[in-house]
Amino acid sequence: MVSVIIETKNAEEALARTLASLVGAAVEGLVRDVIIVDHGSDDHTDRVADAAGCTFLENQPLLDAVRRARGEWLLFLEPGARLLDGWSEAARNHIEALPGPARFTRSKINRPRFLARVFGTNAPLSDGLLMSKRQAMALLKPGYGAEDLARGIAARRLKGEIVPASRA
């Protein structure tokens, strides 16, 4: 049903945290496959991906990952982002009812303060992006990464919560 796509570079620990949050949805059958698009890591990102059973694409464009995805829906995440309990139900409900893109709700403890939300900038993928494969194929241009795809897309907010990747 859903293919998860994560772009990485030297993110072995962050990737492990993100993959751990996907296990329950994989067992439920929501997550069909996970594709890691690596951009020149020199750590053990490839080993983490292999141990988790992910497809590992090295130095390939995002479009190749989208084409290889087995799910009809794609979930783009940053390495280090963690989806909290209940996210899979929120994603499944969205997929069954609505055709457009969606983002997860920032967990209460990780929401920026009001002024930071109003005047600050958010990374385009900080809340994840769930969209149909058809939509992604239509919007992706050569050389685009997941952040380029997510930038400026109007998306519905899901009730499922996410803890964004830390920006250390």
C-alpha atoms as a PDB file:
ATOM      1  CA  MET A   1       0.000   0.000   0.000  1.00  0.00           C
ATOM      2  CA  VAL A   2       2.719   2.556   1.041  1.00  0.00           C
ATOM      3  CA  SER A   3       6.344   2.765  -0.004  1.00  0.00           C
ATOM      4  CA  VAL A   4       8.579   4.793   2.295  1.00  0.00           C
ATOM      5  CA  ILE A   5      11.375   6.798   0.662  1.00  0.00           C
ATOM      6  CA  ILE A   6      14.198   8.311   2.718  1.00  0.00           C
ATOM      7  CA  GLU A   7      17.101  10.318   1.295  1.00  0.00           C
ATOM      8  CA  THR A   8      20.303  10.004   3.329  1.00  0.00           C
ATOM      9  CA  LYS A   9      23.908  11.064   3.636  1.00  0.00           C
ATOM     10  CA  ASN A  10      25.897   9.852   6.649  1.00  0.00           C
ATOM     11  CA  ALA A  11      22.761   9.150   8.655  1.00  0.00           C
ATOM     12  CA  GLU A  12      23.190   5.640  10.063  1.00  0.00           C
ATOM     13  CA  GLU A  13      21.939   6.416  13.597  1.00  0.00           C
ATOM     14  CA  ALA A  14      19.139   8.705  12.444  1.00  0.00           C
ATOM     15  CA  LEU A  15      18.039   6.166   9.850  1.00  0.00           C
ATOM     16  CA  ALA A  16      17.861   3.418  12.474  1.00  0.00           C
ATOM     17  CA  ARG A  17      15.513   5.561  14.615  1.00  0.00           C
ATOM     18  CA  THR A  18      13.238   6.256  11.653  1.00  0.00           C
ATOM     19  CA  LEU A  19      13.138   2.627  10.528  1.00  0.00           C
ATOM     20  CA  ALA A  20      12.267   1.467  14.050  1.00  0.00           C
ATOM     21  CA  SER A  21       9.137   3.639  13.977  1.00  0.00           C
ATOM     22  CA  LEU A  22       7.979   1.901  10.772  1.00  0.00           C
ATOM     23  CA  VAL A  23       8.088  -1.690  12.050  1.00  0.00           C
ATOM     24  CA  GLY A  24       4.516  -1.839  13.369  1.00  0.00           C
ATOM     25  CA  ALA A  25       3.073  -0.544  10.092  1.00  0.00           C
ATOM     26  CA  ALA A  26       5.146  -3.073   8.146  1.00  0.00           C
ATOM     27  CA  VAL A  27       3.758  -5.889  10.282  1.00  0.00           C
ATOM     28  CA  GLU A  28       0.206  -4.556   9.714  1.00  0.00           C
ATOM     29  CA  GLY A  29       0.826  -4.596   5.957  1.00  0.00           C
ATOM     30  CA  LEU A  30       0.613  -0.835   5.445  1.00  0.00           C
ATOM     31  CA  VAL A  31       4.306  -0.397   4.578  1.00  0.00           C
ATOM     32  CA  ARG A  32       5.166  -2.488   1.525  1.00  0.00           C
ATOM     33  CA  ASP A  33       8.766  -1.446   1.096  1.00  0.00           C
ATOM     34  CA  VAL A  34      11.346   1.095   2.209  1.00  0.00           C
ATOM     35  CA  ILE A  35      13.738   2.661  -0.267  1.00  0.00           C
ATOM     36  CA  ILE A  36      16.853   4.485   0.889  1.00  0.00           C
ATOM     37  CA  VAL A  37      18.306   6.948  -1.619  1.00  0.00           C
ATOM     38  CA  ASP A  38      21.855   7.602  -0.429  1.00  0.00           C
ATOM     39  CA  HIS A  39      23.921  10.549  -1.604  1.00  0.00           C
ATOM     40  CA  GLY A  40      27.485   9.472  -0.879  1.00  0.00           C
ATOM     41  CA  SER A  41      27.574   8.298   2.727  1.00  0.00           C
ATOM     42  CA  ASP A  42      30.906   7.192   4.154  1.00  0.00           C
ATOM     43  CA  ASP A  43      29.447   5.746   7.356  1.00  0.00           C
ATOM     44  CA  HIS A  44      27.415   2.530   7.744  1.00  0.00           C
ATOM     45  CA  THR A  45      24.112   3.805   6.379  1.00  0.00           C
ATOM     46  CA  ASP A  46      24.159   1.004   3.810  1.00  0.00           C
ATOM     47  CA  ARG A  47      24.513  -1.644   6.534  1.00  0.00           C
ATOM     48  CA  VAL A  48      21.594  -0.234   8.529  1.00  0.00           C
ATOM     49  CA  ALA A  49      19.432  -0.249   5.394  1.00  0.00           C
ATOM     50  CA  ASP A  50      20.491  -3.799   4.518  1.00  0.00           C
ATOM     51  CA  ALA A  51      19.848  -5.108   8.047  1.00  0.00           C
ATOM     52  CA  ALA A  52      16.329  -3.626   7.923  1.00  0.00           C
ATOM     53  CA  GLY A  53      15.590  -5.165   4.516  1.00  0.00           C
ATOM     54  CA  CYS A  54      15.449  -1.842   2.681  1.00  0.00           C
ATOM     55  CA  THR A  55      16.228  -1.264  -0.969  1.00  0.00           C
ATOM     56  CA  PHE A  56      19.430   0.804  -1.052  1.00  0.00           C
ATOM     57  CA  LEU A  57      20.015   3.080  -4.044  1.00  0.00           C
ATOM     58  CA  GLU A  58      23.390   4.765  -4.118  1.00  0.00           C
ATOM     59  CA  ASN A  59      23.844   8.077  -5.949  1.00  0.00           C
ATOM     60  CA  GLN A  60      20.651   7.684  -7.940  1.00  0.00           C
ATOM     61  CA  PRO A  61      17.983  10.305  -8.552  1.00  0.00           C
ATOM     62  CA  LEU A  62      14.801  10.356  -6.490  1.00  0.00           C
ATOM     63  CA  LEU A  63      12.817   9.635  -9.643  1.00  0.00           C
ATOM     64  CA  ASP A  64      14.438   6.173  -9.816  1.00  0.00           C
ATOM     65  CA  ALA A  65      13.280   5.447  -6.262  1.00  0.00           C
ATOM     66  CA  VAL A  66       9.735   6.554  -7.071  1.00  0.00           C
ATOM     67  CA  ARG A  67       9.676   4.315 -10.144  1.00  0.00           C
ATOM     68  CA  ARG A  68      10.905   1.316  -8.093  1.00  0.00           C
ATOM     69  CA  ALA A  69       8.404   1.858  -5.289  1.00  0.00           C
ATOM     70  CA  ARG A  70       5.889  -0.988  -5.055  1.00  0.00           C
ATOM     71  CA  GLY A  71       3.225   0.956  -3.173  1.00  0.00           C
ATOM     72  CA  GLU A  72       0.544   3.109  -4.765  1.00  0.00           C
ATOM     73  CA  TRP A  73       1.260   5.730  -2.104  1.00  0.00           C
ATOM     74  CA  LEU A  74       4.624   7.189  -1.088  1.00  0.00           C
ATOM     75  CA  LEU A  75       5.735   8.435   2.309  1.00  0.00           C
ATOM     76  CA  PHE A  76       8.768  10.704   2.204  1.00  0.00           C
ATOM     77  CA  LEU A  77      10.620  11.072   5.519  1.00  0.00           C
ATOM     78  CA  GLU A  78      13.843  12.611   6.767  1.00  0.00           C
ATOM     79  CA  PRO A  79      16.308  10.314   8.512  1.00  0.00           C
ATOM     80  CA  GLY A  80      15.812  10.781  12.240  1.00  0.00           C
ATOM     81  CA  ALA A  81      12.089  11.548  12.050  1.00  0.00           C
ATOM     82  CA  ARG A  82       9.975   9.217  14.190  1.00  0.00           C
ATOM     83  CA  LEU A  83       6.326   8.469  13.605  1.00  0.00           C
ATOM     84  CA  LEU A  84       4.407   7.958  16.839  1.00  0.00           C
ATOM     85  CA  ASP A  85       1.761   5.359  17.705  1.00  0.00           C
ATOM     86  CA  GLY A  86      -1.404   5.824  15.680  1.00  0.00           C
ATOM     87  CA  TRP A  87       0.272   7.211  12.574  1.00  0.00           C
ATOM     88  CA  SER A  88      -0.512   4.161  10.461  1.00  0.00           C
ATOM     89  CA  GLU A  89      -4.243   4.380  11.193  1.00  0.00           C
ATOM     90  CA  ALA A  90      -4.267   8.093  10.290  1.00  0.00           C
ATOM     91  CA  ALA A  91      -2.388   7.365   7.051  1.00  0.00           C
ATOM     92  CA  ARG A  92      -4.667   4.458   6.154  1.00  0.00           C
ATOM     93  CA  ASN A  93      -7.796   6.572   6.755  1.00  0.00           C
ATOM     94  CA  HIS A  94      -6.415   9.327   4.535  1.00  0.00           C
ATOM     95  CA  ILE A  95      -5.495   6.933   1.744  1.00  0.00           C
ATOM     96  CA  GLU A  96      -8.946   5.345   1.769  1.00  0.00           C
ATOM     97  CA  ALA A  97     -10.870   8.623   1.835  1.00  0.00           C
ATOM     98  CA  LEU A  98      -8.893  11.451   0.232  1.00  0.00           C
ATOM     99  CA  PRO A  99      -6.750  11.638  -2.876  1.00  0.00           C
ATOM    100  CA  GLY A 100      -4.421  14.540  -2.026  1.00  0.00           C
ATOM    101  CA  PRO A 101      -1.080  14.926  -0.243  1.00  0.00           C
ATOM    102  CA  ALA A 102      -0.885  14.954   3.550  1.00  0.00           C
ATOM    103  CA  ARG A 103       1.582  15.723   6.327  1.00  0.00           C
ATOM    104  CA  PHE A 104       1.688  14.483   9.888  1.00  0.00           C
ATOM    105  CA  THR A 105       0.994  16.643  12.933  1.00  0.00           C
ATOM    106  CA  ARG A 106       4.028  17.655  14.950  1.00  0.00           C
ATOM    107  CA  SER A 107       3.978  15.934  18.354  1.00  0.00           C
ATOM    108  CA  LYS A 108       2.922  18.241  21.172  1.00  0.00           C
ATOM    109  CA  ILE A 109       6.304  18.232  22.864  1.00  0.00           C
ATOM    110  CA  ASN A 110       8.081  19.103  19.616  1.00  0.00           C
ATOM    111  CA  ARG A 111       5.857  21.884  18.333  1.00  0.00           C
ATOM    112  CA  PRO A 112       7.653  25.190  18.054  1.00  0.00           C
ATOM    113  CA  ARG A 113       6.281  28.102  20.041  1.00  0.00           C
ATOM    114  CA  PHE A 114       3.725  30.347  18.384  1.00  0.00           C
ATOM    115  CA  LEU A 115       6.131  33.067  17.200  1.00  0.00           C
ATOM    116  CA  ALA A 116       8.556  30.478  15.855  1.00  0.00           C
ATOM    117  CA  ARG A 117       5.689  28.913  13.878  1.00  0.00           C
ATOM    118  CA  VAL A 118       4.622  32.282  12.490  1.00  0.00           C
ATOM    119  CA  PHE A 119       8.037  33.754  11.691  1.00  0.00           C
ATOM    120  CA  GLY A 120      10.294  30.722  11.487  1.00  0.00           C
ATOM    121  CA  THR A 121      11.047  28.493   8.573  1.00  0.00           C
ATOM    122  CA  ASN A 122      10.296  24.804   8.501  1.00  0.00           C
ATOM    123  CA  ALA A 123      12.177  22.227   6.491  1.00  0.00           C
ATOM    124  CA  PRO A 124       9.779  21.016   3.780  1.00  0.00           C
ATOM    125  CA  LEU A 125       9.967  17.392   4.984  1.00  0.00           C
ATOM    126  CA  SER A 126       9.993  18.004   8.744  1.00  0.00           C
ATOM    127  CA  ASP A 127       6.421  16.685   9.035  1.00  0.00           C
ATOM    128  CA  GLY A 128       6.812  14.007   6.376  1.00  0.00           C
ATOM    129  CA  LEU A 129       4.878  13.919   3.109  1.00  0.00           C
ATOM    130  CA  LEU A 130       2.333  11.284   2.078  1.00  0.00           C
ATOM    131  CA  MET A 131       1.200  11.395  -1.542  1.00  0.00           C
ATOM    132  CA  SER A 132       0.154   9.074  -4.306  1.00  0.00           C
ATOM    133  CA  LYS A 133       2.795   7.677  -6.608  1.00  0.00           C
ATOM    134  CA  ARG A 134       0.904   9.137  -9.559  1.00  0.00           C
ATOM    135  CA  GLN A 135       1.080  12.644  -8.051  1.00  0.00           C
ATOM    136  CA  ALA A 136       4.782  12.299  -7.279  1.00  0.00           C
ATOM    137  CA  MET A 137       5.543  11.152 -10.830  1.00  0.00           C
ATOM    138  CA  ALA A 138       3.645  14.153 -12.217  1.00  0.00           C
ATOM    139  CA  LEU A 139       5.471  16.658  -9.973  1.00  0.00           C
ATOM    140  CA  LEU A 140       9.012  15.269  -9.995  1.00  0.00           C
ATOM    141  CA  LYS A 141      11.457  16.922 -12.338  1.00  0.00           C
ATOM    142  CA  PRO A 142      14.961  15.715 -13.179  1.00  0.00           C
ATOM    143  CA  GLY A 143      17.351  16.586 -10.370  1.00  0.00           C
ATOM    144  CA  TYR A 144      14.604  17.039  -7.762  1.00  0.00           C
ATOM    145  CA  GLY A 145      15.087  15.669  -4.270  1.00  0.00           C
ATOM    146  CA  ALA A 146      12.371  14.922  -1.728  1.00  0.00           C
ATOM    147  CA  GLU A 147      12.649  18.424  -0.218  1.00  0.00           C
ATOM    148  CA  ASP A 148      12.147  19.978  -3.654  1.00  0.00           C
ATOM    149  CA  LEU A 149       9.067  17.846  -4.138  1.00  0.00           C
ATOM    150  CA  ALA A 150       7.658  18.776  -0.710  1.00  0.00           C
ATOM    151  CA  ARG A 151       8.328  22.501  -1.003  1.00  0.00           C
ATOM    152  CA  GLY A 152       5.178  24.496  -1.627  1.00  0.00           C
ATOM    153  CA  ILE A 153       2.772  21.553  -1.759  1.00  0.00           C
ATOM    154  CA  ALA A 154      -0.574  22.162  -0.122  1.00  0.00           C
ATOM    155  CA  ALA A 155      -1.259  19.171   2.093  1.00  0.00           C
ATOM    156  CA  ARG A 156      -3.927  18.069   4.523  1.00  0.00           C
ATOM    157  CA  ARG A 157      -2.854  17.620   8.159  1.00  0.00           C
ATOM    158  CA  LEU A 158      -3.151  14.082   9.540  1.00  0.00           C
ATOM    159  CA  LYS A 159      -3.989  13.251  13.147  1.00  0.00           C
ATOM    160  CA  GLY A 160      -0.989  10.931  13.321  1.00  0.00           C
ATOM    161  CA  GLU A 161       2.000  12.526  15.054  1.00  0.00           C
ATOM    162  CA  ILE A 162       5.635  12.842  14.071  1.00  0.00           C
ATOM    163  CA  VAL A 163       8.762  13.792  15.974  1.00  0.00           C
ATOM    164  CA  PRO A 164      10.862  15.647  13.395  1.00  0.00           C
ATOM    165  CA  ALA A 165      14.519  14.910  12.801  1.00  0.00           C
ATOM    166  CA  SER A 166      16.761  17.000  15.034  1.00  0.00           C
ATOM    167  CA  ARG A 167      18.620  19.823  13.372  1.00  0.00           C
ATOM    168  CA  ALA A 168      21.866  19.729  15.321  1.00  0.00           C
END
